Amino acid sequence: MILIDTDVLIEMIKGHVEPPREPLAITTITLYEFLRGAKDVGAAAEILERDFVILQETPQSIRISARIWQDLKKEGNIVADADIIIAGISIANKVPIWTNNRKHFQQFERYGLKLYDPTRRL
């Protein structure tokens, strides 16, 4: 399974990126980010919920996310809560994330985040 970040999801929907053959997942955060920009929220939600596994926050993923936030705050590195929660969900589920914002998400690798590289298949 591969976790798809919002930026890659948008590129897939536009047909600019070919989805991998592996099962695909998005987080509830990505679902929210995508739906808030949709013309027809109901239709878009139905498609996403049909085509993707939806990974939700859990106590474990929130603990991971909180630890990341605390560490980054101590370092003076402010990151959007949504990205930290997405990273926590990815780490807790042991699912690599495909994002075009690799530089931003690389800082979460020290917590166990795996970045998916579309040029190398799993």
Protein backbone atom coordinates (compact mmCIF):
# COMPACT_ATOMS: atom_id res chain seq x y z
CA MET A 1 0.00 0.00 0.00
CA ILE A 2 1.11 3.55 -0.74
CA LEU A 3 -0.18 6.64 1.05
CA ILE A 4 -0.90 9.45 -1.40
CA ASP A 5 -0.37 13.05 -0.26
CA THR A 6 -2.76 15.76 -1.41
CA ASP A 7 -0.42 17.22 -4.02
CA VAL A 8 0.05 13.85 -5.73
CA LEU A 9 -3.69 13.10 -5.49
CA ILE A 10 -4.45 16.31 -7.37
CA GLU A 11 -1.91 15.39 -10.05
CA MET A 12 -3.49 11.92 -10.37
CA ILE A 13 -6.98 13.37 -10.73
CA LYS A 14 -5.73 15.75 -13.43
CA GLY A 15 -4.14 12.80 -15.25
CA HIS A 16 -0.61 14.17 -14.89
CA VAL A 17 0.63 11.24 -12.80
CA GLU A 18 0.12 7.54 -13.45
CA PRO A 19 -1.04 5.73 -10.30
CA PRO A 20 1.10 2.78 -9.24
CA ARG A 21 -0.35 -0.72 -9.29
CA GLU A 22 -0.10 -1.07 -5.53
CA PRO A 23 -3.19 -0.43 -3.39
CA LEU A 24 -3.55 3.28 -2.64
CA ALA A 25 -4.53 5.08 0.54
CA ILE A 26 -5.18 8.66 1.60
CA THR A 27 -5.60 10.08 5.09
CA THR A 28 -8.69 11.78 6.44
CA ILE A 29 -6.62 15.00 6.29
CA THR A 30 -5.99 14.53 2.56
CA LEU A 31 -9.67 13.70 2.06
CA TYR A 32 -10.58 16.98 3.77
CA GLU A 33 -7.99 19.03 1.88
CA PHE A 34 -9.20 17.65 -1.45
CA LEU A 35 -12.93 17.92 -0.74
CA ARG A 36 -12.80 21.52 0.42
CA GLY A 37 -11.78 22.50 -3.12
CA ALA A 38 -14.22 20.19 -4.94
CA LYS A 39 -17.17 21.59 -6.89
CA ASP A 40 -19.35 18.65 -5.83
CA VAL A 41 -18.23 17.46 -2.40
CA GLY A 42 -20.58 14.50 -2.34
CA ALA A 43 -19.54 13.12 -5.72
CA ALA A 44 -15.84 13.67 -5.04
CA ALA A 45 -16.10 11.98 -1.63
CA GLU A 46 -17.88 9.00 -3.16
CA ILE A 47 -15.12 8.53 -5.75
CA LEU A 48 -12.27 8.89 -3.26
CA GLU A 49 -13.91 6.60 -0.71
CA ARG A 50 -14.43 4.00 -3.45
CA ASP A 51 -10.95 4.16 -4.96
CA PHE A 52 -8.74 4.69 -1.90
CA VAL A 53 -8.32 3.15 1.52
CA ILE A 54 -8.95 5.97 3.98
CA LEU A 55 -6.48 5.92 6.89
CA GLN A 56 -7.61 7.72 10.03
CA GLU A 57 -5.92 9.18 13.03
CA THR A 58 -5.44 6.74 15.90
CA PRO A 59 -4.12 7.25 19.42
CA GLN A 60 -0.80 5.81 18.23
CA SER A 61 -0.53 8.13 15.21
CA ILE A 62 -1.46 11.14 17.37
CA ARG A 63 1.24 10.23 19.94
CA ILE A 64 3.78 10.03 17.10
CA SER A 65 2.57 13.34 15.69
CA ALA A 66 2.73 15.06 19.08
CA ARG A 67 6.31 13.85 19.62
CA ILE A 68 7.29 15.15 16.17
CA TRP A 69 5.66 18.53 16.88
CA GLN A 70 7.42 18.84 20.24
CA ASP A 71 10.81 18.02 18.74
CA LEU A 72 10.35 20.42 15.84
CA LYS A 73 9.20 23.20 18.18
CA LYS A 74 12.34 22.75 20.30
CA GLU A 75 14.36 23.06 17.08
CA GLY A 76 12.46 26.19 16.05
CA ASN A 77 11.09 24.39 13.01
CA ILE A 78 7.41 25.17 12.48
CA VAL A 79 5.52 22.72 10.25
CA ALA A 80 1.81 22.69 9.49
CA ASP A 81 -0.14 20.43 11.84
CA ALA A 82 -1.80 18.71 8.86
CA ASP A 83 1.58 17.54 7.52
CA ILE A 84 2.68 16.32 10.94
CA ILE A 85 -0.56 14.35 11.38
CA ILE A 86 -0.26 12.87 7.87
CA ALA A 87 3.31 11.82 8.72
CA GLY A 88 2.14 10.31 12.01
CA ILE A 89 -0.55 8.28 10.23
CA SER A 90 1.98 7.07 7.66
CA ILE A 91 4.48 6.05 10.35
CA ALA A 92 1.88 4.34 12.56
CA ASN A 93 0.55 2.31 9.63
CA LYS A 94 4.04 1.57 8.26
CA VAL A 95 2.92 2.80 4.85
CA PRO A 96 5.27 4.82 2.61
CA ILE A 97 4.01 8.22 1.51
CA TRP A 98 4.16 9.56 -2.02
CA THR A 99 4.49 13.33 -1.95
CA ASN A 100 5.93 15.92 -4.29
CA ASN A 101 7.06 17.81 -1.22
CA ARG A 102 9.89 15.39 -0.46
CA LYS A 103 12.19 18.00 1.05
CA HIS A 104 9.52 18.98 3.54
CA PHE A 105 8.65 15.38 4.53
CA GLN A 106 12.27 14.14 4.66
CA GLN A 107 12.59 15.65 8.13
CA PHE A 108 10.11 13.02 9.37
CA GLU A 109 12.28 10.11 8.22
CA ARG A 110 14.10 10.12 11.56
CA TYR A 111 10.78 9.03 13.11
CA GLY A 112 10.37 6.12 10.72
CA LEU A 113 8.58 7.80 7.79
CA LYS A 114 9.26 6.09 4.48
CA LEU A 115 9.05 8.16 1.30
CA TYR A 116 7.78 6.43 -1.81
CA ASP A 117 9.88 6.99 -4.92
CA PRO A 118 7.72 6.56 -8.05
CA THR A 119 10.84 5.83 -10.12
CA ARG A 120 11.46 2.71 -8.01
CA ARG A 121 8.62 0.25 -7.54
CA LEU A 122 8.12 -1.42 -4.17
